C-alpha atoms as a PDB file:
ATOM      1  CA  UNK A   1      27.924 -23.332 -38.027  1.00  0.00           C
ATOM      2  CA  UNK A   2      26.131 -20.186 -37.030  1.00  0.00           C
ATOM      3  CA  UNK A   3      26.144 -17.427 -39.622  1.00  0.00           C
ATOM      4  CA  UNK A   4      26.879 -13.782 -38.947  1.00  0.00           C
ATOM      5  CA  UNK A   5      23.289 -12.744 -39.843  1.00  0.00           C
ATOM      6  CA  UNK A   6      21.966 -15.328 -37.349  1.00  0.00           C
ATOM      7  CA  UNK A   7      24.177 -13.883 -34.620  1.00  0.00           C
ATOM      8  CA  UNK A   8      22.992 -10.409 -35.535  1.00  0.00           C
ATOM      9  CA  UNK A   9      19.399 -11.650 -35.319  1.00  0.00           C
ATOM     10  CA  UNK A  10      20.150 -13.201 -31.924  1.00  0.00           C
ATOM     11  CA  UNK A  11      21.608  -9.939 -30.698  1.00  0.00           C
ATOM     12  CA  UNK A  12      18.531  -8.083 -31.973  1.00  0.00           C
ATOM     13  CA  UNK A  13      16.323 -10.574 -30.088  1.00  0.00           C
ATOM     14  CA  UNK A  14      18.357 -10.057 -26.918  1.00  0.00           C
ATOM     15  CA  UNK A  15      18.035  -6.280 -27.209  1.00  0.00           C
ATOM     16  CA  UNK A  16      14.290  -6.641 -27.671  1.00  0.00           C
ATOM     17  CA  UNK A  17      13.932  -9.049 -24.745  1.00  0.00           C
ATOM     18  CA  UNK A  18      16.026  -6.763 -22.540  1.00  0.00           C
ATOM     19  CA  UNK A  19      13.726  -3.886 -23.410  1.00  0.00           C
ATOM     20  CA  UNK A  20      10.684  -6.056 -22.658  1.00  0.00           C
ATOM     21  CA  UNK A  21      12.180  -7.123 -19.310  1.00  0.00           C
ATOM     22  CA  UNK A  22      12.930  -3.516 -18.473  1.00  0.00           C
ATOM     23  CA  UNK A  23       9.372  -2.434 -19.208  1.00  0.00           C
ATOM     24  CA  UNK A  24       7.952  -5.329 -17.170  1.00  0.00           C
ATOM     25  CA  UNK A  25      10.171  -4.332 -14.251  1.00  0.00           C
ATOM     26  CA  UNK A  26       9.049  -0.746 -14.690  1.00  0.00           C
ATOM     27  CA  UNK A  27       5.417  -1.871 -14.651  1.00  0.00           C
ATOM     28  CA  UNK A  28       5.934  -3.761 -11.393  1.00  0.00           C
ATOM     29  CA  UNK A  29       7.841  -0.920  -9.710  1.00  0.00           C
ATOM     30  CA  UNK A  30       5.983   2.189 -10.818  1.00  0.00           C
ATOM     31  CA  UNK A  31       6.498   5.185  -8.543  1.00  0.00           C
ATOM     32  CA  UNK A  32       2.737   5.674  -8.654  1.00  0.00           C
ATOM     33  CA  UNK A  33       2.259   2.195  -7.187  1.00  0.00           C
ATOM     34  CA  UNK A  34       4.636   2.972  -4.327  1.00  0.00           C
ATOM     35  CA  UNK A  35       2.798   6.242  -3.701  1.00  0.00           C
ATOM     36  CA  UNK A  36      -0.551   4.464  -3.544  1.00  0.00           C
ATOM     37  CA  UNK A  37       0.881   1.812  -1.231  1.00  0.00           C
ATOM     38  CA  UNK A  38       2.233   4.494   1.120  1.00  0.00           C
ATOM     39  CA  UNK A  39      -1.133   6.251   1.241  1.00  0.00           C
ATOM     40  CA  UNK A  40      -2.908   2.971   1.969  1.00  0.00           C
ATOM     41  CA  UNK A  41      -0.392   2.258   4.744  1.00  0.00           C
ATOM     42  CA  UNK A  42      -1.022   5.689   6.266  1.00  0.00           C
ATOM     43  CA  UNK A  43      -4.785   5.201   6.009  1.00  0.00           C
ATOM     44  CA  UNK A  44      -4.438   1.861   7.794  1.00  0.00           C
ATOM     45  CA  UNK A  45      -2.478   3.430  10.647  1.00  0.00           C
ATOM     46  CA  UNK A  46      -4.915   6.325  11.006  1.00  0.00           C
ATOM     47  CA  UNK A  47      -7.852   3.927  10.836  1.00  0.00           C
ATOM     48  CA  UNK A  48      -6.338   1.791  13.607  1.00  0.00           C
ATOM     49  CA  UNK A  49      -5.742   4.862  15.758  1.00  0.00           C
ATOM     50  CA  UNK A  50      -9.343   5.952  15.218  1.00  0.00           C
ATOM     51  CA  UNK A  51     -10.655   2.508  16.144  1.00  0.00           C
ATOM     52  CA  UNK A  52      -8.695   2.527  19.404  1.00  0.00           C
ATOM     53  CA  UNK A  53      -9.866   6.049  20.190  1.00  0.00           C
ATOM     54  CA  UNK A  54     -13.458   5.136  19.357  1.00  0.00           C
ATOM     55  CA  UNK A  55     -13.340   2.401  22.021  1.00  0.00           C
ATOM     56  CA  UNK A  56     -12.288   4.930  24.673  1.00  0.00           C
ATOM     57  CA  UNK A  57     -14.923   7.392  23.474  1.00  0.00           C
ATOM     58  CA  UNK A  58     -17.586   4.684  23.493  1.00  0.00           C
ATOM     59  CA  UNK A  59     -16.832   3.862  27.120  1.00  0.00           C
ATOM     60  CA  UNK A  60     -17.180   7.505  28.159  1.00  0.00           C
ATOM     61  CA  UNK A  61     -20.385   7.916  26.135  1.00  0.00           C
ATOM     62  CA  UNK A  62     -21.823   4.790  27.737  1.00  0.00           C
ATOM     63  CA  UNK A  63     -21.099   6.108  31.246  1.00  0.00           C
ATOM     64  CA  UNK A  64     -22.510   9.525  30.320  1.00  0.00           C
ATOM     65  CA  UNK A  65     -25.701   8.009  28.929  1.00  0.00           C
ATOM     66  CA  UNK A  66     -26.136   5.876  32.044  1.00  0.00           C
ATOM     67  CA  UNK A  67     -25.658   8.901  34.308  1.00  0.00           C
ATOM     68  CA  UNK A  68     -28.123  10.972  32.259  1.00  0.00           C
ATOM     69  CA  UNK A  69     -30.725   8.189  32.412  1.00  0.00           C
ATOM     70  CA  UNK A  70     -30.363   7.932  36.172  1.00  0.00           C
ATOM     71  CA  UNK A  71     -30.580  11.735  36.480  1.00  0.00           C
ATOM     72  CA  UNK A  72     -33.807  11.838  34.480  1.00  0.00           C
ATOM     73  CA  UNK A  73     -35.272   9.052  36.569  1.00  0.00           C
ATOM     74  CA  UNK A  74     -34.259  10.839  39.783  1.00  0.00           C
ATOM     75  CA  UNK A  75     -35.818  14.120  38.623  1.00  0.00           C
ATOM     76  CA  UNK A  76     -39.025  12.326  37.686  1.00  0.00           C
ATOM     77  CA  UNK A  77     -39.067  10.677  41.107  1.00  0.00           C
ATOM     78  CA  UNK A  78     -38.696  14.120  42.772  1.00  0.00           C
ATOM     79  CA  UNK A  79     -41.687  15.391  40.814  1.00  0.00           C
ATOM     80  CA  UNK A  80     -43.758  12.352  41.805  1.00  0.00           C
ATOM     81  CA  UNK A  81     -42.890  12.621  45.503  1.00  0.00           C
ATOM     82  CA  UNK A  82     -43.516  16.380  45.529  1.00  0.00           C
ATOM     83  CA  UNK A  83     -46.897  15.815  43.906  1.00  0.00           C
ATOM     84  CA  UNK A  84     -47.902  13.506  46.751  1.00  0.00           C
ATOM     85  CA  UNK A  85     -46.233  15.725  49.375  1.00  0.00           C
ATOM     86  CA  UNK A  86     -48.181  18.825  48.361  1.00  0.00           C
ATOM     87  CA  UNK A  87     -51.241  17.211  46.811  1.00  0.00           C
ATOM     88  CA  UNK A  88     -53.237  17.000  50.026  1.00  0.00           C
ATOM     89  CA  UNK A  89     -53.863  13.278  49.768  1.00  0.00           C
ATOM     90  CA  UNK A  90     -51.386  12.511  52.565  1.00  0.00           C
ATOM     91  CA  UNK A  91     -52.106  14.062  55.967  1.00  0.00           C
ATOM     92  CA  UNK A  92     -50.114  11.971  58.424  1.00  0.00           C
ATOM     93  CA  UNK A  93     -47.197  14.079  59.637  1.00  0.00           C
ATOM     94  CA  UNK A  94     -44.869  11.102  59.918  1.00  0.00           C
ATOM     95  CA  UNK A  95     -45.500  10.118  56.296  1.00  0.00           C
ATOM     96  CA  UNK A  96     -45.172  13.722  55.158  1.00  0.00           C
ATOM     97  CA  UNK A  97     -41.825  14.000  56.945  1.00  0.00           C
ATOM     98  CA  UNK A  98     -40.650  10.771  55.333  1.00  0.00           C
ATOM     99  CA  UNK A  99     -41.561  12.104  51.888  1.00  0.00           C
ATOM    100  CA  UNK A 100     -39.774  15.387  52.588  1.00  0.00           C
ATOM    101  CA  UNK A 101     -36.657  13.472  53.618  1.00  0.00           C
ATOM    102  CA  UNK A 102     -37.009  11.373  50.479  1.00  0.00           C
ATOM    103  CA  UNK A 103     -37.094  14.538  48.346  1.00  0.00           C
ATOM    104  CA  UNK A 104     -33.981  15.894  50.058  1.00  0.00           C
ATOM    105  CA  UNK A 105     -32.118  12.648  49.379  1.00  0.00           C
ATOM    106  CA  UNK A 106     -33.283  12.602  45.763  1.00  0.00           C
ATOM    107  CA  UNK A 107     -32.161  16.207  45.236  1.00  0.00           C
ATOM    108  CA  UNK A 108     -28.754  15.399  46.683  1.00  0.00           C
ATOM    109  CA  UNK A 109     -28.492  12.422  44.355  1.00  0.00           C
ATOM    110  CA  UNK A 110     -29.609  14.550  41.400  1.00  0.00           C
ATOM    111  CA  UNK A 111     -26.889  17.090  42.223  1.00  0.00           C
ATOM    112  CA  UNK A 112     -24.256  14.330  42.308  1.00  0.00           C
ATOM    113  CA  UNK A 113     -25.482  13.000  38.981  1.00  0.00           C
ATOM    114  CA  UNK A 114     -25.388  16.459  37.390  1.00  0.00           C
ATOM    115  CA  UNK A 115     -21.761  16.813  38.506  1.00  0.00           C
ATOM    116  CA  UNK A 116     -20.987  13.366  37.096  1.00  0.00           C
ATOM    117  CA  UNK A 117     -22.608  14.203  33.740  1.00  0.00           C
ATOM    118  CA  UNK A 118     -20.672  17.482  33.528  1.00  0.00           C
ATOM    119  CA  UNK A 119     -17.428  15.653  34.350  1.00  0.00           C
ATOM    120  CA  UNK A 120     -18.074  13.032  31.698  1.00  0.00           C
ATOM    121  CA  UNK A 121     -18.908  15.740  29.141  1.00  0.00           C
ATOM    122  CA  UNK A 122     -15.554  17.367  29.892  1.00  0.00           C
ATOM    123  CA  UNK A 123     -13.832  13.983  29.598  1.00  0.00           C
ATOM    124  CA  UNK A 124     -15.594  13.319  26.308  1.00  0.00           C
ATOM    125  CA  UNK A 125     -14.862  16.677  24.662  1.00  0.00           C
ATOM    126  CA  UNK A 126     -11.175  16.053  23.737  1.00  0.00           C
ATOM    127  CA  UNK A 127     -12.040  12.532  22.581  1.00  0.00           C
ATOM    128  CA  UNK A 128     -14.751  13.879  20.270  1.00  0.00           C
ATOM    129  CA  UNK A 129     -12.282  16.424  18.906  1.00  0.00           C
ATOM    130  CA  UNK A 130      -9.604  13.784  18.347  1.00  0.00           C
ATOM    131  CA  UNK A 131     -12.022  11.448  16.553  1.00  0.00           C
ATOM    132  CA  UNK A 132     -13.205  14.323  14.357  1.00  0.00           C
ATOM    133  CA  UNK A 133      -9.595  15.153  13.492  1.00  0.00           C
ATOM    134  CA  UNK A 134      -8.873  11.540  12.553  1.00  0.00           C
ATOM    135  CA  UNK A 135     -12.076  11.396  10.488  1.00  0.00           C
ATOM    136  CA  UNK A 136     -10.862  14.442   8.567  1.00  0.00           C
ATOM    137  CA  UNK A 137      -7.455  12.819   8.071  1.00  0.00           C
ATOM    138  CA  UNK A 138      -9.136   9.666   6.749  1.00  0.00           C
ATOM    139  CA  UNK A 139     -11.270  11.727   4.365  1.00  0.00           C
ATOM    140  CA  UNK A 140      -8.165  13.521   3.087  1.00  0.00           C
ATOM    141  CA  UNK A 141      -6.359  10.213   2.638  1.00  0.00           C
ATOM    142  CA  UNK A 142      -9.354   8.803   0.781  1.00  0.00           C
ATOM    143  CA  UNK A 143      -9.131  11.703  -1.688  1.00  0.00           C
ATOM    144  CA  UNK A 144      -5.378  11.196  -2.061  1.00  0.00           C
ATOM    145  CA  UNK A 145      -5.895   7.462  -2.537  1.00  0.00           C
ATOM    146  CA  UNK A 146      -8.447   8.051  -5.288  1.00  0.00           C
ATOM    147  CA  UNK A 147      -6.121  10.495  -7.046  1.00  0.00           C
ATOM    148  CA  UNK A 148      -3.134   8.159  -6.680  1.00  0.00           C
ATOM    149  CA  UNK A 149      -5.233   5.279  -8.024  1.00  0.00           C
ATOM    150  CA  UNK A 150      -6.096   7.280 -11.121  1.00  0.00           C
ATOM    151  CA  UNK A 151      -2.440   8.219 -11.647  1.00  0.00           C
ATOM    152  CA  UNK A 152      -1.415   4.588 -11.275  1.00  0.00           C
ATOM    153  CA  UNK A 153      -4.036   3.454 -13.782  1.00  0.00           C
ATOM    154  CA  UNK A 154      -2.762   5.980 -16.340  1.00  0.00           C
ATOM    155  CA  UNK A 155       0.860   4.989 -15.762  1.00  0.00           C
ATOM    156  CA  UNK A 156       0.024   1.281 -16.035  1.00  0.00           C
ATOM    157  CA  UNK A 157      -1.854   1.863 -19.274  1.00  0.00           C
ATOM    158  CA  UNK A 158       1.068   3.811 -20.728  1.00  0.00           C
ATOM    159  CA  UNK A 159       3.657   1.142 -19.871  1.00  0.00           C
ATOM    160  CA  UNK A 160       1.325  -1.680 -20.908  1.00  0.00           C
ATOM    161  CA  UNK A 161       0.927  -0.035 -24.311  1.00  0.00           C
ATOM    162  CA  UNK A 162       4.706   0.164 -24.763  1.00  0.00           C
ATOM    163  CA  UNK A 163       5.079  -3.420 -23.570  1.00  0.00           C
ATOM    164  CA  UNK A 164       2.410  -4.675 -25.941  1.00  0.00           C
ATOM    165  CA  UNK A 165       4.166  -3.020 -28.849  1.00  0.00           C
ATOM    166  CA  UNK A 166       7.477  -4.623 -27.915  1.00  0.00           C
ATOM    167  CA  UNK A 167       5.979  -8.088 -27.439  1.00  0.00           C
ATOM    168  CA  UNK A 168       4.276  -7.849 -30.827  1.00  0.00           C
ATOM    169  CA  UNK A 169       7.713  -7.499 -32.449  1.00  0.00           C
ATOM    170  CA  UNK A 170       9.071 -10.684 -30.882  1.00  0.00           C
ATOM    171  CA  UNK A 171       7.732 -13.239 -33.415  1.00  0.00           C
ATOM    172  CA  UNK A 172       9.557 -11.454 -36.203  1.00  0.00           C
ATOM    173  CA  UNK A 173      12.738 -11.300 -34.114  1.00  0.00           C
ATOM    174  CA  UNK A 174      12.483 -15.028 -33.350  1.00  0.00           C
ATOM    175  CA  UNK A 175      12.130 -15.948 -37.013  1.00  0.00           C
ATOM    176  CA  UNK A 176      15.717 -14.993 -37.804  1.00  0.00           C
ATOM    177  CA  UNK A 177      17.255 -17.273 -35.161  1.00  0.00           C
ATOM    178  CA  UNK A 178      17.609 -21.046 -35.770  1.00  0.00           C
ATOM    179  CA  UNK A 179      15.928 -23.380 -33.260  1.00  0.00           C
ATOM    180  CA  UNK A 180      19.117 -24.854 -31.707  1.00  0.00           C
ATOM    181  CA  UNK A 181      20.470 -21.387 -31.071  1.00  0.00           C
ATOM    182  CA  UNK A 182      17.116 -20.355 -29.589  1.00  0.00           C
ATOM    183  CA  UNK A 183      17.264 -23.292 -27.184  1.00  0.00           C
ATOM    184  CA  UNK A 184      20.717 -22.254 -26.030  1.00  0.00           C
ATOM    185  CA  UNK A 185      19.575 -18.665 -25.744  1.00  0.00           C
ATOM    186  CA  UNK A 186      16.575 -19.647 -23.601  1.00  0.00           C
ATOM    187  CA  UNK A 187      18.676 -21.718 -21.197  1.00  0.00           C
ATOM    188  CA  UNK A 188      21.259 -18.988 -20.794  1.00  0.00           C
ATOM    189  CA  UNK A 189      18.602 -16.309 -20.266  1.00  0.00           C
ATOM    190  CA  UNK A 190      17.068 -18.341 -17.466  1.00  0.00           C
ATOM    191  CA  UNK A 191      20.432 -18.946 -15.828  1.00  0.00           C
ATOM    192  CA  UNK A 192      21.951 -15.497 -16.315  1.00  0.00           C
ATOM    193  CA  UNK A 193      19.192 -13.149 -15.260  1.00  0.00           C
ATOM    194  CA  UNK A 194      17.695 -12.580 -18.679  1.00  0.00           C
ATOM    195  CA  UNK A 195      20.870 -11.582 -20.555  1.00  0.00           C
ATOM    196  CA  UNK A 196      22.179 -14.479 -22.625  1.00  0.00           C
ATOM    197  CA  UNK A 197      23.936 -12.533 -25.368  1.00  0.00           C
ATOM    198  CA  UNK A 198      26.476  -9.754 -24.905  1.00  0.00           C
ATOM    199  CA  UNK A 199      28.476  -7.565 -27.223  1.00  0.00           C
ATOM    200  CA  UNK A 200      32.250  -7.708 -27.123  1.00  0.00           C
ATOM    201  CA  UNK A 201      33.198  -4.055 -27.308  1.00  0.00           C
ATOM    202  CA  UNK A 202      36.659  -2.649 -26.753  1.00  0.00           C
ATOM    203  CA  UNK A 203      37.892  -5.921 -25.302  1.00  0.00           C
ATOM    204  CA  UNK A 204      35.185  -6.079 -22.649  1.00  0.00           C
ATOM    205  CA  UNK A 205      32.115  -8.305 -22.329  1.00  0.00           C
ATOM    206  CA  UNK A 206      29.072  -6.078 -22.202  1.00  0.00           C
ATOM    207  CA  UNK A 207      27.281  -8.687 -20.061  1.00  0.00           C
ATOM    208  CA  UNK A 208      29.601  -9.061 -17.080  1.00  0.00           C
ATOM    209  CA  UNK A 209      31.564  -5.855 -17.852  1.00  0.00           C
ATOM    210  CA  UNK A 210      34.877  -7.660 -17.420  1.00  0.00           C
ATOM    211  CA  UNK A 211      37.796  -7.362 -19.836  1.00  0.00           C
ATOM    212  CA  UNK A 212      38.911 -10.473 -21.633  1.00  0.00           C
ATOM    213  CA  UNK A 213      42.549 -11.634 -21.412  1.00  0.00           C
ATOM    214  CA  UNK A 214      44.596 -10.287 -24.287  1.00  0.00           C
ATOM    215  CA  UNK A 215      45.244 -13.693 -25.841  1.00  0.00           C
ATOM    216  CA  UNK A 216      41.567 -14.686 -25.689  1.00  0.00           C
ATOM    217  CA  UNK A 217      40.571 -11.368 -27.162  1.00  0.00           C
ATOM    218  CA  UNK A 218      43.050 -11.719 -30.007  1.00  0.00           C
ATOM    219  CA  UNK A 219      41.797 -15.250 -30.734  1.00  0.00           C
ATOM    220  CA  UNK A 220      38.155 -14.122 -30.931  1.00  0.00           C
ATOM    221  CA  UNK A 221      38.976 -11.178 -33.159  1.00  0.00           C
ATOM    222  CA  UNK A 222      40.567 -13.509 -35.709  1.00  0.00           C
ATOM    223  CA  UNK A 223      37.711 -16.000 -35.838  1.00  0.00           C
ATOM    224  CA  UNK A 224      35.596 -16.135 -39.016  1.00  0.00           C
ATOM    225  CA  UNK A 225      32.288 -14.204 -38.938  1.00  0.00           C
ATOM    226  CA  UNK A 226      29.485 -16.213 -37.361  1.00  0.00           C
ATOM    227  CA  UNK A 227      31.686 -18.109 -34.926  1.00  0.00           C
ATOM    228  CA  UNK A 228      29.788 -18.887 -31.729  1.00  0.00           C
ATOM    229  CA  UNK A 229      31.845 -17.969 -28.680  1.00  0.00           C
ATOM    230  CA  UNK A 230      31.051 -17.632 -24.994  1.00  0.00           C
ATOM    231  CA  UNK A 231      32.554 -15.295 -22.455  1.00  0.00           C
ATOM    232  CA  UNK A 232      34.884 -17.449 -20.383  1.00  0.00           C
ATOM    233  CA  UNK A 233      34.033 -15.385 -17.298  1.00  0.00           C
ATOM    234  CA  UNK A 234      30.211 -15.215 -17.344  1.00  0.00           C
ATOM    235  CA  UNK A 235      29.254 -17.803 -19.990  1.00  0.00           C
ATOM    236  CA  UNK A 236      27.221 -15.456 -22.187  1.00  0.00           C
ATOM    237  CA  UNK A 237      27.278 -15.737 -25.965  1.00  0.00           C
ATOM    238  CA  UNK A 238      29.665 -13.094 -27.247  1.00  0.00           C
ATOM    239  CA  UNK A 239      29.008 -11.117 -30.407  1.00  0.00           C
ATOM    240  CA  UNK A 240      32.081  -9.226 -31.526  1.00  0.00           C
ATOM    241  CA  UNK A 241      31.477  -5.544 -32.266  1.00  0.00           C
ATOM    242  CA  UNK A 242      34.325  -3.364 -33.387  1.00  0.00           C
ATOM    243  CA  UNK A 243      35.062  -0.458 -31.055  1.00  0.00           C
END
């Protein structure tokens, strides 16, 4: 038969294990962890937006660079043709006229290219501004992420310290409970969400929070100390505690 001190020791073990479970849950669900996760999610969204915008900007930059290269080549060609046109090495009027026409065509092309470059610069300006704004947002988020990471590390260390202290008390708590009762306790904890032992206070099981029938309650109250009883509604081991 279980003794009253053994039941008290079992209840002490349950209280300790409940506290340990609570601290482990707290460690897994720290507000600081959620904050860091939210910042990382925001950074991911901003980073994706920047990547998409960078593609559009890259296309405009590529077209601008191509237009500027063609403009430079056209201007160089104008200089070369003018050098021959006015250099005195060509005297045939037909050839001179052809070169003059060539210069006119090149100047027209250069004017079109200048307009294209200006248009692309105007198209690029808002994209540059938007990318710069997203870069600033990413930098701000990086600072927030670093700060949130530090806060999380401190919070984890604090809870881990509490948890370590609780776990270190468990061997002593286990020593007061006989092995058969520990086996039962372990099975019930696994099946009942970690709470295998409940106090019977004021006629109610502190595990399922349901009141016991009057006859069952009266029977338990008149049992000798150390009697091992289970709640007929949830199956937890009941330890009678006077109200």
